Amino acid sequence: MTLILLVANVAVWGHAVHAAQAAASQGLAAARSHHGTAADGHRAARSVLDQLGNGPLRNATVTVERGTAQTEVWVDGNALSVLPFLELPVHAQAAGPTEEFQPAPEATP
């Protein structure tokens, strides 16, 4: 029975990792856009987590860093536990270049 519960716990952990990665990806998309901010990324990631409600990801925290060249989003938390005293950590990260406006080069006659 313990083995079955352990397998179930690993499946729940995998689902929680997927949820965290989805939130991190959405946060990155919002934060790295031309007019995006770290706050936009945080709001987008939290929105995904809020839509998932009381799913497999518990105590999720979102961290967003938007620099001039690189933007990164981290989502950390714990997976819902099926077995008592088993707390599996969840970590997801998304990173990409920060978008910036590049005017078209002027045509030379």
C-alpha atoms as a PDB file:
ATOM      1  CA  MET A   1       0.000   0.000   0.000  1.00  0.00           C
ATOM      2  CA  THR A   2       2.864   2.367   0.815  1.00  0.00           C
ATOM      3  CA  LEU A   3       4.362   1.793  -2.624  1.00  0.00           C
ATOM      4  CA  ILE A   4       1.068   2.705  -4.298  1.00  0.00           C
ATOM      5  CA  LEU A   5       0.822   5.875  -2.225  1.00  0.00           C
ATOM      6  CA  LEU A   6       4.427   6.728  -3.062  1.00  0.00           C
ATOM      7  CA  VAL A   7       3.722   6.390  -6.781  1.00  0.00           C
ATOM      8  CA  ALA A   8       0.626   8.567  -6.355  1.00  0.00           C
ATOM      9  CA  ASN A   9       2.705  11.162  -4.507  1.00  0.00           C
ATOM     10  CA  VAL A  10       5.265  11.261  -7.320  1.00  0.00           C
ATOM     11  CA  ALA A  11       2.443  11.757  -9.842  1.00  0.00           C
ATOM     12  CA  VAL A  12       1.031  14.650  -7.806  1.00  0.00           C
ATOM     13  CA  TRP A  13       4.526  16.147  -7.555  1.00  0.00           C
ATOM     14  CA  GLY A  14       4.902  15.939 -11.352  1.00  0.00           C
ATOM     15  CA  HIS A  15       1.593  17.725 -11.807  1.00  0.00           C
ATOM     16  CA  ALA A  16       2.692  20.436  -9.354  1.00  0.00           C
ATOM     17  CA  VAL A  17       5.955  20.928 -11.279  1.00  0.00           C
ATOM     18  CA  HIS A  18       3.960  21.312 -14.490  1.00  0.00           C
ATOM     19  CA  ALA A  19       1.701  23.924 -12.855  1.00  0.00           C
ATOM     20  CA  ALA A  20       4.713  25.851 -11.554  1.00  0.00           C
ATOM     21  CA  GLN A  21       6.369  25.774 -14.979  1.00  0.00           C
ATOM     22  CA  ALA A  22       3.184  27.049 -16.644  1.00  0.00           C
ATOM     23  CA  ALA A  23       3.023  29.949 -14.173  1.00  0.00           C
ATOM     24  CA  ALA A  24       6.709  30.763 -14.681  1.00  0.00           C
ATOM     25  CA  SER A  25       6.299  30.744 -18.466  1.00  0.00           C
ATOM     26  CA  GLN A  26       3.309  33.067 -18.360  1.00  0.00           C
ATOM     27  CA  GLY A  27       5.119  35.374 -15.973  1.00  0.00           C
ATOM     28  CA  LEU A  28       8.127  35.478 -18.281  1.00  0.00           C
ATOM     29  CA  ALA A  29       5.992  36.307 -21.304  1.00  0.00           C
ATOM     30  CA  ALA A  30       4.443  39.258 -19.479  1.00  0.00           C
ATOM     31  CA  ALA A  31       7.631  40.561 -17.857  1.00  0.00           C
ATOM     32  CA  ARG A  32       9.978  40.371 -20.839  1.00  0.00           C
ATOM     33  CA  SER A  33       7.717  42.169 -23.323  1.00  0.00           C
ATOM     34  CA  HIS A  34       8.707  45.624 -24.566  1.00  0.00           C
ATOM     35  CA  HIS A  35       6.482  47.523 -22.129  1.00  0.00           C
ATOM     36  CA  GLY A  36       6.441  44.782 -19.482  1.00  0.00           C
ATOM     37  CA  THR A  37       7.622  45.110 -15.905  1.00  0.00           C
ATOM     38  CA  ALA A  38       8.569  42.724 -13.126  1.00  0.00           C
ATOM     39  CA  ALA A  39       5.199  43.519 -11.544  1.00  0.00           C
ATOM     40  CA  ASP A  40       3.417  42.482 -14.772  1.00  0.00           C
ATOM     41  CA  GLY A  41       5.266  39.175 -14.706  1.00  0.00           C
ATOM     42  CA  HIS A  42       4.418  38.612 -11.059  1.00  0.00           C
ATOM     43  CA  ARG A  43       0.729  39.348 -11.715  1.00  0.00           C
ATOM     44  CA  ALA A  44       0.628  36.987 -14.712  1.00  0.00           C
ATOM     45  CA  ALA A  45       2.258  34.135 -12.793  1.00  0.00           C
ATOM     46  CA  ARG A  46      -0.017  34.649  -9.774  1.00  0.00           C
ATOM     47  CA  SER A  47      -3.033  34.706 -12.101  1.00  0.00           C
ATOM     48  CA  VAL A  48      -2.150  31.244 -13.416  1.00  0.00           C
ATOM     49  CA  LEU A  49      -1.644  29.959  -9.883  1.00  0.00           C
ATOM     50  CA  ASP A  50      -4.952  31.500  -8.760  1.00  0.00           C
ATOM     51  CA  GLN A  51      -6.767  29.858 -11.683  1.00  0.00           C
ATOM     52  CA  LEU A  52      -5.419  26.499 -10.553  1.00  0.00           C
ATOM     53  CA  GLY A  53      -6.843  27.155  -7.105  1.00  0.00           C
ATOM     54  CA  ASN A  54      -6.198  24.475  -4.499  1.00  0.00           C
ATOM     55  CA  GLY A  55      -4.401  22.187  -6.935  1.00  0.00           C
ATOM     56  CA  PRO A  56      -1.276  20.153  -6.354  1.00  0.00           C
ATOM     57  CA  LEU A  57       1.001  23.179  -5.811  1.00  0.00           C
ATOM     58  CA  ARG A  58       0.964  24.582  -2.265  1.00  0.00           C
ATOM     59  CA  ASN A  59       2.582  27.672  -0.703  1.00  0.00           C
ATOM     60  CA  ALA A  60       3.751  28.961  -4.081  1.00  0.00           C
ATOM     61  CA  THR A  61       5.998  32.009  -4.232  1.00  0.00           C
ATOM     62  CA  VAL A  62       6.837  33.950  -7.385  1.00  0.00           C
ATOM     63  CA  THR A  63      10.050  35.904  -7.931  1.00  0.00           C
ATOM     64  CA  VAL A  64      10.630  38.027 -11.039  1.00  0.00           C
ATOM     65  CA  GLU A  65      13.805  39.806 -12.063  1.00  0.00           C
ATOM     66  CA  ARG A  66      13.708  41.973 -15.183  1.00  0.00           C
ATOM     67  CA  GLY A  67      17.023  43.343 -16.366  1.00  0.00           C
ATOM     68  CA  THR A  68      17.949  45.201 -19.513  1.00  0.00           C
ATOM     69  CA  ALA A  69      19.282  42.048 -21.167  1.00  0.00           C
ATOM     70  CA  GLN A  70      17.663  39.113 -19.335  1.00  0.00           C
ATOM     71  CA  THR A  71      14.383  38.419 -17.556  1.00  0.00           C
ATOM     72  CA  GLU A  72      13.923  35.495 -15.147  1.00  0.00           C
ATOM     73  CA  VAL A  73      10.936  34.127 -13.256  1.00  0.00           C
ATOM     74  CA  TRP A  74      11.064  31.551 -10.457  1.00  0.00           C
ATOM     75  CA  VAL A  75       8.103  29.726  -8.934  1.00  0.00           C
ATOM     76  CA  ASP A  76       8.757  27.726  -5.769  1.00  0.00           C
ATOM     77  CA  GLY A  77       6.438  25.790  -3.506  1.00  0.00           C
ATOM     78  CA  ASN A  78       5.583  22.334  -2.238  1.00  0.00           C
ATOM     79  CA  ALA A  79       3.590  19.532  -3.800  1.00  0.00           C
ATOM     80  CA  LEU A  80       0.421  18.319  -2.145  1.00  0.00           C
ATOM     81  CA  SER A  81       1.385  15.304  -0.060  1.00  0.00           C
ATOM     82  CA  VAL A  82      -0.422  11.975  -0.230  1.00  0.00           C
ATOM     83  CA  LEU A  83       1.891  10.358   2.306  1.00  0.00           C
ATOM     84  CA  PRO A  84       2.182  11.929   5.741  1.00  0.00           C
ATOM     85  CA  PHE A  85       5.505  13.609   6.515  1.00  0.00           C
ATOM     86  CA  LEU A  86       6.578  13.614   2.861  1.00  0.00           C
ATOM     87  CA  GLU A  87       7.035  17.144   1.554  1.00  0.00           C
ATOM     88  CA  LEU A  88       8.373  17.342  -1.972  1.00  0.00           C
ATOM     89  CA  PRO A  89       9.707  20.739  -3.059  1.00  0.00           C
ATOM     90  CA  VAL A  90       8.729  22.213  -6.406  1.00  0.00           C
ATOM     91  CA  HIS A  91      10.898  24.635  -8.364  1.00  0.00           C
ATOM     92  CA  ALA A  92      10.358  26.042 -11.844  1.00  0.00           C
ATOM     93  CA  GLN A  93      12.313  28.685 -13.694  1.00  0.00           C
ATOM     94  CA  ALA A  94      11.787  30.483 -16.974  1.00  0.00           C
ATOM     95  CA  ALA A  95      14.311  32.866 -18.489  1.00  0.00           C
ATOM     96  CA  GLY A  96      14.721  34.749 -21.717  1.00  0.00           C
ATOM     97  CA  PRO A  97      16.080  37.910 -23.250  1.00  0.00           C
ATOM     98  CA  THR A  98      14.288  41.128 -22.373  1.00  0.00           C
ATOM     99  CA  GLU A  99      12.600  42.547 -25.443  1.00  0.00           C
ATOM    100  CA  GLU A 100      13.546  46.017 -26.539  1.00  0.00           C
ATOM    101  CA  PHE A 101      12.398  48.162 -29.403  1.00  0.00           C
ATOM    102  CA  GLN A 102      14.833  48.235 -32.305  1.00  0.00           C
ATOM    103  CA  PRO A 103      13.956  50.924 -34.843  1.00  0.00           C
ATOM    104  CA  ALA A 104      14.232  49.892 -38.456  1.00  0.00           C
ATOM    105  CA  PRO A 105      17.519  50.909 -40.021  1.00  0.00           C
ATOM    106  CA  GLU A 106      17.252  53.913 -42.262  1.00  0.00           C
ATOM    107  CA  ALA A 107      17.393  53.068 -45.921  1.00  0.00           C
ATOM    108  CA  THR A 108      20.351  54.528 -47.773  1.00  0.00           C
ATOM    109  CA  PRO A 109      19.508  55.976 -51.223  1.00  0.00           C
END
